Structure formats: structure tokens, C-alpha cells
């Protein structure tokens, strides 16, 4: 199997291509994704399995540690080259931005280090993995943050207010000028990530259906048979949350800090086959619309009796 990361240029739109609607020449090959999140290795040491499980790409949905560079360094050290040419994907979690510097500085340093380590650090970015049969899998990654509107837009203002007083991110994360990264900053980042995910999914499905990309499309090389997986740190649906954090049993802002409602994407044209995330109290495996939602967190910070972390969880997409 050959694999490569394809850069995505900003843009949108598609026009018909010759041979529109033609099927891929061969049946798509299912990719084996090794999935995990919320490892928190700086507080709870972890050794990756030896031997490694049978996988095509490793996907880590954030919160490896409290600093993005340390997370990249740990992944590279823990794998020690055993992954060979197989891609390693890391999406930053909120904890990755608890390190020194503001959000932009931390991300820039993390990207530089990840590039040297051969790790695909995806923050509103993506890559295409090709199986050599004319079909491929796009992996789209974003921290996603939250829009605070899980319980409706009218409740979002109240959720942001509670978060400003109680959420650790507001004390640990900085934006430019050493100012605190507040809930409205997270909401703005959420909007950008959501638009990126929606627009790239649209580009992929348009081309996979047989339309040629415009010169400014987000994706330029999707082919018939291609499909997409989305990886975020924050959850994309209330269905990923256990009862312990729903309004019936907890302050409603708590659930809104963990998840946003992106279920419309999963029912729409271009819905991803799989959505991987972290940032929740325990494992998740539910289907919404045409999308399977899965989380495999190791350390949740919650004492709620959830199922254990599976260090060798493999998903096919």
C-alpha cells in the first residue's frame, strides 16, 4: 500500500468532469485505523503495545499531554519507528495548548516538530491515504473546540458565562498578547473548524461522484470510491456524552464544554463514514445518520464507572 499526505488549498466549488459517475476500477480497500485519545502520559505513564496491532494508520484524537511539543515527542519516542511507513495522525486536544506560549505559537512549534518526526499534525487540515487501487481515505482533523450551544443557542451565553468562571482552559490557555483564551475565542475557532470540515467533505463527495474540482477547491484529487473520516478532539454530538454530564444530573454548561451538535453533517451529502473523537468520560460507539462515532479515551478525569480504555482498538473505514 502506498500512502501520502496531500496538501489542501483553500477554496470551494466543482465542475463536471469527463467520465462523471464512473466507478472506481477496483473495490475500495478498508483501512485499519488504530484509535486512541486522552492518554495524559505526563501524569500517567503509558507504554504502547509490543508488538503493535495490525493497522494501516494510527489516529490519536488529542490530549496526549499538557504540551503539544511533548505530545509529538512522546508519540515519536513510543513508536520508535515501529510504524514504518504507516501514517501517524495527531489532532491537538485542549490540553496540548496548556504549554508555554499562545495558541498560534504552540501550534506553529508543534507543526515544525511533527514534520521532522514524520507525524501528521492535523489542525483544520487533512491528508489522503491511497491504497494503490485508485481509491483512498481522507482523514480530516480539527480540535473543533465547542460552540457552547449543545443545549440551544439561547443557552450558549449562559454556558460561556459559567465556563469563564470554572473552566480550566480559561486559566491555562493563552491567545496573542498573553490574554486568556476565553469561551468566545473557542466559539470562533469552532466555527472555523466546522466550516473547514463541511467544505472539505463537500469537495470530496463532489469529486468522488464524478465532478472535477475547481482551481480553488479545498480538495483537488478525490477519486470515485474515495471516502472520509473526521477526527476531532471535542465530541460532535450529545449522543457521545454519558448521562452523568447531561443537564438532568449536572450543570448543563459541563456537557456543552465537551460536545457540540454537528449531527447535521452526518445526515448530509458527503457525510463521513467515521467520526473519531476524545474529550469524553469513556468509550463511545454510536451511529448517527450515515456516520459511526467512536471514542477510545484512556484518562477522562471522571469517576463514573465507564468501560476501560482499549490500547489496541482497531476500526475499519
C-alpha atoms as a PDB file:
ATOM      1  CA  UNK A   1       0.000   0.000   0.000  1.00  0.00           C
ATOM      2  CA  UNK A   2       1.292   3.465  -0.848  1.00  0.00           C
ATOM      3  CA  UNK A   3       0.441   6.393   1.389  1.00  0.00           C
ATOM      4  CA  UNK A   4       0.890  10.113   1.038  1.00  0.00           C
ATOM      5  CA  UNK A   5      -0.342  13.357   2.557  1.00  0.00           C
ATOM      6  CA  UNK A   6      -1.905  15.728   0.053  1.00  0.00           C
ATOM      7  CA  UNK A   7      -1.948  19.445   0.942  1.00  0.00           C
ATOM      8  CA  UNK A   8      -5.351  21.103   0.677  1.00  0.00           C
ATOM      9  CA  UNK A   9      -5.571  24.605  -0.813  1.00  0.00           C
ATOM     10  CA  UNK A  10      -8.373  26.881   0.408  1.00  0.00           C
ATOM     11  CA  UNK A  11     -11.290  27.177  -1.966  1.00  0.00           C
ATOM     12  CA  UNK A  12     -14.610  25.701  -2.990  1.00  0.00           C
ATOM     13  CA  UNK A  13     -16.684  24.573  -5.930  1.00  0.00           C
ATOM     14  CA  UNK A  14     -16.624  21.864  -8.597  1.00  0.00           C
ATOM     15  CA  UNK A  15     -17.476  21.493 -12.276  1.00  0.00           C
ATOM     16  CA  UNK A  16     -18.396  18.364 -14.234  1.00  0.00           C
ATOM     17  CA  UNK A  17     -15.502  16.158 -15.284  1.00  0.00           C
ATOM     18  CA  UNK A  18     -15.230  13.810 -18.238  1.00  0.00           C
ATOM     19  CA  UNK A  19     -16.437  10.360 -17.255  1.00  0.00           C
ATOM     20  CA  UNK A  20     -18.615  11.701 -14.446  1.00  0.00           C
ATOM     21  CA  UNK A  21     -20.181   8.904 -12.440  1.00  0.00           C
ATOM     22  CA  UNK A  22     -17.647   6.229 -13.341  1.00  0.00           C
ATOM     23  CA  UNK A  23     -16.972   3.748 -10.583  1.00  0.00           C
ATOM     24  CA  UNK A  24     -13.504   3.122  -9.190  1.00  0.00           C
ATOM     25  CA  UNK A  25     -11.624   0.497 -11.186  1.00  0.00           C
ATOM     26  CA  UNK A  26     -11.333  -1.751  -8.132  1.00  0.00           C
ATOM     27  CA  UNK A  27     -13.256  -2.184  -4.910  1.00  0.00           C
ATOM     28  CA  UNK A  28     -12.137   0.180  -2.121  1.00  0.00           C
ATOM     29  CA  UNK A  29      -9.881  -1.376   0.475  1.00  0.00           C
ATOM     30  CA  UNK A  30     -10.934  -0.939   4.093  1.00  0.00           C
ATOM     31  CA  UNK A  31      -8.339   0.870   6.187  1.00  0.00           C
ATOM     32  CA  UNK A  32      -7.494  -0.332   9.664  1.00  0.00           C
ATOM     33  CA  UNK A  33      -7.273   2.681  11.966  1.00  0.00           C
ATOM     34  CA  UNK A  34      -5.676   2.266  15.391  1.00  0.00           C
ATOM     35  CA  UNK A  35      -7.575   4.746  17.542  1.00  0.00           C
ATOM     36  CA  UNK A  36      -6.935   6.335  20.947  1.00  0.00           C
ATOM     37  CA  UNK A  37      -7.141   9.642  22.827  1.00  0.00           C
ATOM     38  CA  UNK A  38      -6.710  11.345  26.206  1.00  0.00           C
ATOM     39  CA  UNK A  39      -3.535   9.449  27.044  1.00  0.00           C
ATOM     40  CA  UNK A  40      -2.265  12.088  29.517  1.00  0.00           C
ATOM     41  CA  UNK A  41       1.130  10.395  29.569  1.00  0.00           C
ATOM     42  CA  UNK A  42       2.850  13.183  31.539  1.00  0.00           C
ATOM     43  CA  UNK A  43       0.685  12.280  34.539  1.00  0.00           C
ATOM     44  CA  UNK A  44       0.019   8.602  33.877  1.00  0.00           C
ATOM     45  CA  UNK A  45       2.909   6.899  32.007  1.00  0.00           C
ATOM     46  CA  UNK A  46       1.974   4.553  29.186  1.00  0.00           C
ATOM     47  CA  UNK A  47       3.847   2.047  27.039  1.00  0.00           C
ATOM     48  CA  UNK A  48       2.378   1.266  23.633  1.00  0.00           C
ATOM     49  CA  UNK A  49       1.719  -2.434  22.918  1.00  0.00           C
ATOM     50  CA  UNK A  50       4.612  -4.554  21.752  1.00  0.00           C
ATOM     51  CA  UNK A  51       4.148  -5.818  19.141  1.00  0.00           C
ATOM     52  CA  UNK A  52       1.963  -3.095  17.679  1.00  0.00           C
ATOM     53  CA  UNK A  53      -1.510  -4.129  16.478  1.00  0.00           C
ATOM     54  CA  UNK A  54      -2.166  -4.727  12.775  1.00  0.00           C
ATOM     55  CA  UNK A  55      -3.056  -1.248  11.492  1.00  0.00           C
ATOM     56  CA  UNK A  56      -2.759   0.999   8.432  1.00  0.00           C
ATOM     57  CA  UNK A  57      -2.727   4.340  10.274  1.00  0.00           C
ATOM     58  CA  UNK A  58      -2.547   5.422  13.921  1.00  0.00           C
ATOM     59  CA  UNK A  59      -5.046   8.136  14.877  1.00  0.00           C
ATOM     60  CA  UNK A  60      -4.664   9.988  18.184  1.00  0.00           C
ATOM     61  CA  UNK A  61      -7.549  12.362  18.962  1.00  0.00           C
ATOM     62  CA  UNK A  62      -5.757  14.699  21.366  1.00  0.00           C
ATOM     63  CA  UNK A  63      -4.701  15.191  24.980  1.00  0.00           C
ATOM     64  CA  UNK A  64      -1.560  13.091  24.858  1.00  0.00           C
ATOM     65  CA  UNK A  65      -0.009  15.547  27.321  1.00  0.00           C
ATOM     66  CA  UNK A  66      -0.191  19.122  28.621  1.00  0.00           C
ATOM     67  CA  UNK A  67       2.087  20.461  25.862  1.00  0.00           C
ATOM     68  CA  UNK A  68       1.902  19.914  22.110  1.00  0.00           C
ATOM     69  CA  UNK A  69       5.637  19.507  21.586  1.00  0.00           C
ATOM     70  CA  UNK A  70       5.825  16.994  24.425  1.00  0.00           C
ATOM     71  CA  UNK A  71       2.933  15.078  22.845  1.00  0.00           C
ATOM     72  CA  UNK A  72       4.692  14.874  19.479  1.00  0.00           C
ATOM     73  CA  UNK A  73       7.962  13.847  21.131  1.00  0.00           C
ATOM     74  CA  UNK A  74       6.233  11.148  23.191  1.00  0.00           C
ATOM     75  CA  UNK A  75       4.493   9.651  20.147  1.00  0.00           C
ATOM     76  CA  UNK A  76       7.734   9.541  18.185  1.00  0.00           C
ATOM     77  CA  UNK A  77       9.610   8.012  21.111  1.00  0.00           C
ATOM     78  CA  UNK A  78       6.878   5.484  21.996  1.00  0.00           C
ATOM     79  CA  UNK A  79       6.633   4.230  18.424  1.00  0.00           C
ATOM     80  CA  UNK A  80      10.417   4.277  17.918  1.00  0.00           C
ATOM     81  CA  UNK A  81       9.987   3.811  14.177  1.00  0.00           C
ATOM     82  CA  UNK A  82       7.980   0.608  14.558  1.00  0.00           C
ATOM     83  CA  UNK A  83       5.153   2.066  12.467  1.00  0.00           C
ATOM     84  CA  UNK A  84       7.391   2.029   9.387  1.00  0.00           C
ATOM     85  CA  UNK A  85       5.789   3.961   6.540  1.00  0.00           C
ATOM     86  CA  UNK A  86       2.311   3.845   8.073  1.00  0.00           C
ATOM     87  CA  UNK A  87       0.876   7.312   8.827  1.00  0.00           C
ATOM     88  CA  UNK A  88       0.644   8.616  12.379  1.00  0.00           C
ATOM     89  CA  UNK A  89      -2.042  11.276  12.833  1.00  0.00           C
ATOM     90  CA  UNK A  90      -2.291  13.584  15.843  1.00  0.00           C
ATOM     91  CA  UNK A  91      -5.101  16.092  16.372  1.00  0.00           C
ATOM     92  CA  UNK A  92      -4.334  18.539  19.212  1.00  0.00           C
ATOM     93  CA  UNK A  93      -6.600  18.454  22.229  1.00  0.00           C
ATOM     94  CA  UNK A  94      -7.261  21.351  24.557  1.00  0.00           C
ATOM     95  CA  UNK A  95      -4.530  20.143  26.940  1.00  0.00           C
ATOM     96  CA  UNK A  96      -1.925  20.391  24.181  1.00  0.00           C
ATOM     97  CA  UNK A  97      -2.390  24.173  24.365  1.00  0.00           C
ATOM     98  CA  UNK A  98      -1.643  24.344  28.101  1.00  0.00           C
ATOM     99  CA  UNK A  99       2.072  24.696  27.306  1.00  0.00           C
ATOM    100  CA  UNK A 100       4.177  27.855  27.177  1.00  0.00           C
ATOM    101  CA  UNK A 101       3.130  30.406  24.563  1.00  0.00           C
ATOM    102  CA  UNK A 102      -0.118  31.382  22.921  1.00  0.00           C
ATOM    103  CA  UNK A 103      -2.288  29.109  20.794  1.00  0.00           C
ATOM    104  CA  UNK A 104      -0.711  30.171  17.495  1.00  0.00           C
ATOM    105  CA  UNK A 105       2.856  29.828  18.811  1.00  0.00           C
ATOM    106  CA  UNK A 106       2.229  26.394  20.293  1.00  0.00           C
ATOM    107  CA  UNK A 107       0.625  25.156  17.073  1.00  0.00           C
ATOM    108  CA  UNK A 108       3.441  26.536  14.893  1.00  0.00           C
ATOM    109  CA  UNK A 109       6.142  24.897  17.031  1.00  0.00           C
ATOM    110  CA  UNK A 110       4.164  21.656  17.146  1.00  0.00           C
ATOM    111  CA  UNK A 111       3.792  21.556  13.379  1.00  0.00           C
ATOM    112  CA  UNK A 112       7.514  22.113  12.865  1.00  0.00           C
ATOM    113  CA  UNK A 113       8.432  19.328  15.268  1.00  0.00           C
ATOM    114  CA  UNK A 114       5.776  16.958  13.868  1.00  0.00           C
ATOM    115  CA  UNK A 115       7.061  17.459  10.335  1.00  0.00           C
ATOM    116  CA  UNK A 116      10.554  16.459  11.446  1.00  0.00           C
ATOM    117  CA  UNK A 117       9.171  13.434  13.311  1.00  0.00           C
ATOM    118  CA  UNK A 118       7.068  12.231  10.385  1.00  0.00           C
ATOM    119  CA  UNK A 119       3.787  12.790  12.238  1.00  0.00           C
ATOM    120  CA  UNK A 120       0.752  14.343  10.523  1.00  0.00           C
ATOM    121  CA  UNK A 121      -0.391  17.062  12.923  1.00  0.00           C
ATOM    122  CA  UNK A 122      -3.876  17.999  11.729  1.00  0.00           C
ATOM    123  CA  UNK A 123      -5.461  21.248  12.866  1.00  0.00           C
ATOM    124  CA  UNK A 124      -8.052  22.287  10.289  1.00  0.00           C
ATOM    125  CA  UNK A 125      -6.084  20.182   7.847  1.00  0.00           C
ATOM    126  CA  UNK A 126      -6.184  16.755   6.245  1.00  0.00           C
ATOM    127  CA  UNK A 127      -4.362  14.056   4.370  1.00  0.00           C
ATOM    128  CA  UNK A 128      -5.273  11.406   1.823  1.00  0.00           C
ATOM    129  CA  UNK A 129      -4.118   7.834   2.251  1.00  0.00           C
ATOM    130  CA  UNK A 130      -4.072   5.896  -1.044  1.00  0.00           C
ATOM    131  CA  UNK A 131      -4.238   2.110  -1.274  1.00  0.00           C
ATOM    132  CA  UNK A 132      -2.836   1.965  -4.806  1.00  0.00           C
ATOM    133  CA  UNK A 133      -6.142   0.686  -6.210  1.00  0.00           C
ATOM    134  CA  UNK A 134      -7.474   4.059  -7.316  1.00  0.00           C
ATOM    135  CA  UNK A 135      -9.373   4.648  -4.081  1.00  0.00           C
ATOM    136  CA  UNK A 136      -8.363   6.429  -0.923  1.00  0.00           C
ATOM    137  CA  UNK A 137      -9.328   7.626   2.522  1.00  0.00           C
ATOM    138  CA  UNK A 138      -9.234  11.274   3.559  1.00  0.00           C
ATOM    139  CA  UNK A 139      -8.502  11.911   7.235  1.00  0.00           C
ATOM    140  CA  UNK A 140      -9.676  15.382   8.276  1.00  0.00           C
ATOM    141  CA  UNK A 141      -8.536  16.737  11.638  1.00  0.00           C
ATOM    142  CA  UNK A 142      -9.526  19.632  13.902  1.00  0.00           C
ATOM    143  CA  UNK A 143      -9.510  20.295  17.641  1.00  0.00           C
ATOM    144  CA  UNK A 144     -13.067  21.616  16.985  1.00  0.00           C
ATOM    145  CA  UNK A 145     -13.356  23.186  20.464  1.00  0.00           C
ATOM    146  CA  UNK A 146     -17.048  23.874  21.259  1.00  0.00           C
ATOM    147  CA  UNK A 147     -19.686  26.385  20.236  1.00  0.00           C
ATOM    148  CA  UNK A 148     -21.282  26.160  23.732  1.00  0.00           C
ATOM    149  CA  UNK A 149     -24.688  25.684  22.067  1.00  0.00           C
ATOM    150  CA  UNK A 150     -25.220  21.981  22.745  1.00  0.00           C
ATOM    151  CA  UNK A 151     -28.483  22.801  24.546  1.00  0.00           C
ATOM    152  CA  UNK A 152     -29.540  25.516  22.121  1.00  0.00           C
ATOM    153  CA  UNK A 153     -28.210  28.892  21.052  1.00  0.00           C
ATOM    154  CA  UNK A 154     -30.182  30.685  23.771  1.00  0.00           C
ATOM    155  CA  UNK A 155     -28.348  28.666  26.417  1.00  0.00           C
ATOM    156  CA  UNK A 156     -24.909  29.251  24.911  1.00  0.00           C
ATOM    157  CA  UNK A 157     -24.462  32.651  26.550  1.00  0.00           C
ATOM    158  CA  UNK A 158     -25.123  31.150  29.975  1.00  0.00           C
ATOM    159  CA  UNK A 159     -22.748  28.251  29.256  1.00  0.00           C
ATOM    160  CA  UNK A 160     -19.970  30.649  28.271  1.00  0.00           C
ATOM    161  CA  UNK A 161     -20.535  32.650  31.426  1.00  0.00           C
ATOM    162  CA  UNK A 162     -20.203  29.599  33.652  1.00  0.00           C
ATOM    163  CA  UNK A 163     -17.138  28.446  31.728  1.00  0.00           C
ATOM    164  CA  UNK A 164     -15.360  31.772  32.197  1.00  0.00           C
ATOM    165  CA  UNK A 165     -15.561  31.189  35.956  1.00  0.00           C
ATOM    166  CA  UNK A 166     -14.971  27.446  36.136  1.00  0.00           C
ATOM    167  CA  UNK A 167     -13.234  26.037  33.031  1.00  0.00           C
ATOM    168  CA  UNK A 168      -9.533  25.266  33.438  1.00  0.00           C
ATOM    169  CA  UNK A 169      -8.775  26.196  29.819  1.00  0.00           C
ATOM    170  CA  UNK A 170      -9.570  29.832  30.616  1.00  0.00           C
ATOM    171  CA  UNK A 171      -6.699  29.844  33.119  1.00  0.00           C
ATOM    172  CA  UNK A 172      -4.258  27.621  31.228  1.00  0.00           C
ATOM    173  CA  UNK A 173      -4.533  28.666  27.561  1.00  0.00           C
ATOM    174  CA  UNK A 174      -3.386  31.992  26.104  1.00  0.00           C
ATOM    175  CA  UNK A 175      -4.051  33.840  22.885  1.00  0.00           C
ATOM    176  CA  UNK A 176      -1.932  36.607  21.342  1.00  0.00           C
ATOM    177  CA  UNK A 177      -0.713  39.198  23.833  1.00  0.00           C
ATOM    178  CA  UNK A 178      -0.779  36.688  26.702  1.00  0.00           C
ATOM    179  CA  UNK A 179      -4.533  37.217  27.040  1.00  0.00           C
ATOM    180  CA  UNK A 180      -6.673  34.356  28.342  1.00  0.00           C
ATOM    181  CA  UNK A 181      -8.292  32.067  25.789  1.00  0.00           C
ATOM    182  CA  UNK A 182     -11.936  32.563  26.729  1.00  0.00           C
ATOM    183  CA  UNK A 183     -15.112  30.731  25.690  1.00  0.00           C
ATOM    184  CA  UNK A 184     -15.904  33.169  22.883  1.00  0.00           C
ATOM    185  CA  UNK A 185     -12.426  32.511  21.448  1.00  0.00           C
ATOM    186  CA  UNK A 186     -13.178  28.783  21.474  1.00  0.00           C
ATOM    187  CA  UNK A 187     -16.528  29.501  19.810  1.00  0.00           C
ATOM    188  CA  UNK A 188     -14.811  31.371  16.987  1.00  0.00           C
ATOM    189  CA  UNK A 189     -12.318  28.542  16.487  1.00  0.00           C
ATOM    190  CA  UNK A 190     -15.220  26.080  16.439  1.00  0.00           C
ATOM    191  CA  UNK A 191     -16.905  27.985  13.608  1.00  0.00           C
ATOM    192  CA  UNK A 192     -13.722  27.926  11.535  1.00  0.00           C
ATOM    193  CA  UNK A 193     -13.190  24.203  12.082  1.00  0.00           C
ATOM    194  CA  UNK A 194     -16.806  23.359  11.344  1.00  0.00           C
ATOM    195  CA  UNK A 195     -16.697  25.299   8.079  1.00  0.00           C
ATOM    196  CA  UNK A 196     -13.459  23.543   7.124  1.00  0.00           C
ATOM    197  CA  UNK A 197     -14.928  20.103   7.800  1.00  0.00           C
ATOM    198  CA  UNK A 198     -18.160  20.846   5.918  1.00  0.00           C
ATOM    199  CA  UNK A 199     -16.407  22.362   2.911  1.00  0.00           C
ATOM    200  CA  UNK A 200     -13.807  19.613   2.574  1.00  0.00           C
ATOM    201  CA  UNK A 201     -16.448  16.889   2.864  1.00  0.00           C
ATOM    202  CA  UNK A 202     -18.383  18.632   0.117  1.00  0.00           C
ATOM    203  CA  UNK A 203     -15.306  18.799  -2.108  1.00  0.00           C
ATOM    204  CA  UNK A 204     -14.542  15.123  -1.580  1.00  0.00           C
ATOM    205  CA  UNK A 205     -18.012  13.826  -2.321  1.00  0.00           C
ATOM    206  CA  UNK A 206     -18.421  16.085  -5.359  1.00  0.00           C
ATOM    207  CA  UNK A 207     -15.259  14.749  -6.957  1.00  0.00           C
ATOM    208  CA  UNK A 208     -15.871  11.179  -5.819  1.00  0.00           C
ATOM    209  CA  UNK A 209     -19.255  11.412  -7.541  1.00  0.00           C
ATOM    210  CA  UNK A 210     -17.541  12.423 -10.779  1.00  0.00           C
ATOM    211  CA  UNK A 211     -17.171  16.214 -10.760  1.00  0.00           C
ATOM    212  CA  UNK A 212     -13.881  17.942 -11.487  1.00  0.00           C
ATOM    213  CA  UNK A 213     -12.518  20.259  -8.798  1.00  0.00           C
ATOM    214  CA  UNK A 214     -12.335  23.969  -9.483  1.00  0.00           C
ATOM    215  CA  UNK A 215      -8.866  25.544  -9.150  1.00  0.00           C
ATOM    216  CA  UNK A 216      -9.795  26.868  -5.690  1.00  0.00           C
ATOM    217  CA  UNK A 217     -11.439  23.740  -4.277  1.00  0.00           C
ATOM    218  CA  UNK A 218     -10.264  22.599  -0.857  1.00  0.00           C
ATOM    219  CA  UNK A 219      -9.504  19.140  -2.285  1.00  0.00           C
ATOM    220  CA  UNK A 220      -8.033  18.651  -5.737  1.00  0.00           C
ATOM    221  CA  UNK A 221      -7.562  14.915  -6.177  1.00  0.00           C
ATOM    222  CA  UNK A 222     -10.555  12.956  -4.829  1.00  0.00           C
ATOM    223  CA  UNK A 223     -11.486   9.989  -6.999  1.00  0.00           C
ATOM    224  CA  UNK A 224     -14.534   7.731  -7.402  1.00  0.00           C
ATOM    225  CA  UNK A 225     -14.733   5.463  -4.384  1.00  0.00           C
ATOM    226  CA  UNK A 226     -12.922   7.845  -2.028  1.00  0.00           C
ATOM    227  CA  UNK A 227     -14.428   8.435   1.414  1.00  0.00           C
ATOM    228  CA  UNK A 228     -13.657  10.482   4.510  1.00  0.00           C
ATOM    229  CA  UNK A 229     -13.020  10.100   8.227  1.00  0.00           C
ATOM    230  CA  UNK A 230     -13.211  13.081  10.573  1.00  0.00           C
ATOM    231  CA  UNK A 231     -11.027  13.265  13.683  1.00  0.00           C
ATOM    232  CA  UNK A 232     -11.721  15.886  16.349  1.00  0.00           C
ATOM    233  CA  UNK A 233     -10.821  16.206  19.996  1.00  0.00           C
ATOM    234  CA  UNK A 234     -14.163  17.590  21.164  1.00  0.00           C
ATOM    235  CA  UNK A 235     -17.240  15.457  20.587  1.00  0.00           C
ATOM    236  CA  UNK A 236     -19.615  16.158  17.665  1.00  0.00           C
ATOM    237  CA  UNK A 237     -22.868  15.063  19.314  1.00  0.00           C
ATOM    238  CA  UNK A 238     -24.667  14.904  22.655  1.00  0.00           C
ATOM    239  CA  UNK A 239     -25.039  11.184  21.968  1.00  0.00           C
ATOM    240  CA  UNK A 240     -21.335  10.851  22.785  1.00  0.00           C
ATOM    241  CA  UNK A 241     -21.947  12.006  26.361  1.00  0.00           C
ATOM    242  CA  UNK A 242     -22.918   9.746  29.278  1.00  0.00           C
ATOM    243  CA  UNK A 243     -25.884  10.623  31.497  1.00  0.00           C
ATOM    244  CA  UNK A 244     -23.500  11.932  34.173  1.00  0.00           C
ATOM    245  CA  UNK A 245     -22.817  15.109  32.191  1.00  0.00           C
ATOM    246  CA  UNK A 246     -26.291  15.742  30.776  1.00  0.00           C
ATOM    247  CA  UNK A 247     -28.467  18.516  32.261  1.00  0.00           C
ATOM    248  CA  UNK A 248     -30.564  16.098  34.273  1.00  0.00           C
ATOM    249  CA  UNK A 249     -27.598  15.282  36.526  1.00  0.00           C
ATOM    250  CA  UNK A 250     -25.041  18.078  36.007  1.00  0.00           C
ATOM    251  CA  UNK A 251     -24.762  21.773  35.241  1.00  0.00           C
ATOM    252  CA  UNK A 252     -25.644  21.995  31.565  1.00  0.00           C
ATOM    253  CA  UNK A 253     -22.520  24.018  30.724  1.00  0.00           C
ATOM    254  CA  UNK A 254     -20.401  20.936  31.509  1.00  0.00           C
ATOM    255  CA  UNK A 255     -21.876  18.939  28.626  1.00  0.00           C
ATOM    256  CA  UNK A 256     -21.586  21.994  26.382  1.00  0.00           C
ATOM    257  CA  UNK A 257     -17.864  22.201  27.182  1.00  0.00           C
ATOM    258  CA  UNK A 258     -17.349  18.668  25.866  1.00  0.00           C
ATOM    259  CA  UNK A 259     -19.519  18.488  22.754  1.00  0.00           C
ATOM    260  CA  UNK A 260     -21.318  20.455  20.056  1.00  0.00           C
ATOM    261  CA  UNK A 261     -24.167  19.400  17.798  1.00  0.00           C
ATOM    262  CA  UNK A 262     -22.769  18.561  14.366  1.00  0.00           C
ATOM    263  CA  UNK A 263     -25.283  15.826  13.627  1.00  0.00           C
ATOM    264  CA  UNK A 264     -26.481  17.690  10.539  1.00  0.00           C
ATOM    265  CA  UNK A 265     -23.164  16.901   8.876  1.00  0.00           C
ATOM    266  CA  UNK A 266     -23.758  13.191   9.474  1.00  0.00           C
ATOM    267  CA  UNK A 267     -27.111  13.265   7.713  1.00  0.00           C
ATOM    268  CA  UNK A 268     -25.961  15.398   4.793  1.00  0.00           C
ATOM    269  CA  UNK A 269     -24.425  14.843   1.390  1.00  0.00           C
ATOM    270  CA  UNK A 270     -20.810  13.908   1.978  1.00  0.00           C
ATOM    271  CA  UNK A 271     -21.337  12.549   5.496  1.00  0.00           C
ATOM    272  CA  UNK A 272     -18.134  10.883   6.742  1.00  0.00           C
ATOM    273  CA  UNK A 273     -18.102   7.133   7.219  1.00  0.00           C
ATOM    274  CA  UNK A 274     -16.493   7.524  10.642  1.00  0.00           C
ATOM    275  CA  UNK A 275     -16.017  10.313  13.210  1.00  0.00           C
ATOM    276  CA  UNK A 276     -13.314   9.754  15.841  1.00  0.00           C
ATOM    277  CA  UNK A 277     -13.044  11.998  18.911  1.00  0.00           C
ATOM    278  CA  UNK A 278     -11.880  12.245  22.509  1.00  0.00           C
ATOM    279  CA  UNK A 279     -12.627  14.599  25.443  1.00  0.00           C
ATOM    280  CA  UNK A 280     -15.367  12.426  26.955  1.00  0.00           C
ATOM    281  CA  UNK A 281     -15.576  10.357  30.171  1.00  0.00           C
ATOM    282  CA  UNK A 282     -15.464   6.963  28.485  1.00  0.00           C
ATOM    283  CA  UNK A 283     -15.593   4.932  25.260  1.00  0.00           C
ATOM    284  CA  UNK A 284     -18.223   5.800  22.653  1.00  0.00           C
ATOM    285  CA  UNK A 285     -19.565   3.770  19.725  1.00  0.00           C
ATOM    286  CA  UNK A 286     -22.823   5.093  18.265  1.00  0.00           C
ATOM    287  CA  UNK A 287     -24.178   5.682  14.788  1.00  0.00           C
ATOM    288  CA  UNK A 288     -25.804   8.975  13.812  1.00  0.00           C
ATOM    289  CA  UNK A 289     -27.248   9.254  10.320  1.00  0.00           C
ATOM    290  CA  UNK A 290     -24.629   7.755   7.992  1.00  0.00           C
ATOM    291  CA  UNK A 291     -21.713   8.206  10.404  1.00  0.00           C
ATOM    292  CA  UNK A 292     -20.270   5.974  13.092  1.00  0.00           C
ATOM    293  CA  UNK A 293     -18.978   7.999  16.082  1.00  0.00           C
ATOM    294  CA  UNK A 294     -16.222   6.379  18.160  1.00  0.00           C
ATOM    295  CA  UNK A 295     -14.048   7.474  21.077  1.00  0.00           C
ATOM    296  CA  UNK A 296     -11.421   5.477  22.965  1.00  0.00           C
ATOM    297  CA  UNK A 297     -10.150   7.742  25.785  1.00  0.00           C
ATOM    298  CA  UNK A 298      -7.625   6.472  28.301  1.00  0.00           C
ATOM    299  CA  UNK A 299      -7.828   9.078  31.080  1.00  0.00           C
ATOM    300  CA  UNK A 300     -11.066  11.002  31.462  1.00  0.00           C
ATOM    301  CA  UNK A 301     -10.661  12.739  34.803  1.00  0.00           C
ATOM    302  CA  UNK A 302     -14.123  11.454  35.703  1.00  0.00           C
ATOM    303  CA  UNK A 303     -15.051   8.785  38.193  1.00  0.00           C
ATOM    304  CA  UNK A 304     -18.161   7.454  36.552  1.00  0.00           C
ATOM    305  CA  UNK A 305     -17.510   3.742  36.059  1.00  0.00           C
ATOM    306  CA  UNK A 306     -17.116   3.827  32.294  1.00  0.00           C
ATOM    307  CA  UNK A 307     -15.734   0.939  30.249  1.00  0.00           C
ATOM    308  CA  UNK A 308     -11.949   0.605  30.148  1.00  0.00           C
ATOM    309  CA  UNK A 309      -9.575   2.013  27.554  1.00  0.00           C
ATOM    310  CA  UNK A 310      -8.644  -0.413  24.760  1.00  0.00           C
ATOM    311  CA  UNK A 311      -4.965   0.161  23.841  1.00  0.00           C
ATOM    312  CA  UNK A 312      -5.321  -1.886  20.627  1.00  0.00           C
ATOM    313  CA  UNK A 313      -8.688  -0.676  19.316  1.00  0.00           C
ATOM    314  CA  UNK A 314      -8.855  -1.048  15.513  1.00  0.00           C
ATOM    315  CA  UNK A 315     -11.619   0.460  13.370  1.00  0.00           C
ATOM    316  CA  UNK A 316     -12.187  -0.161   9.678  1.00  0.00           C
ATOM    317  CA  UNK A 317     -13.238   2.612   7.289  1.00  0.00           C
END
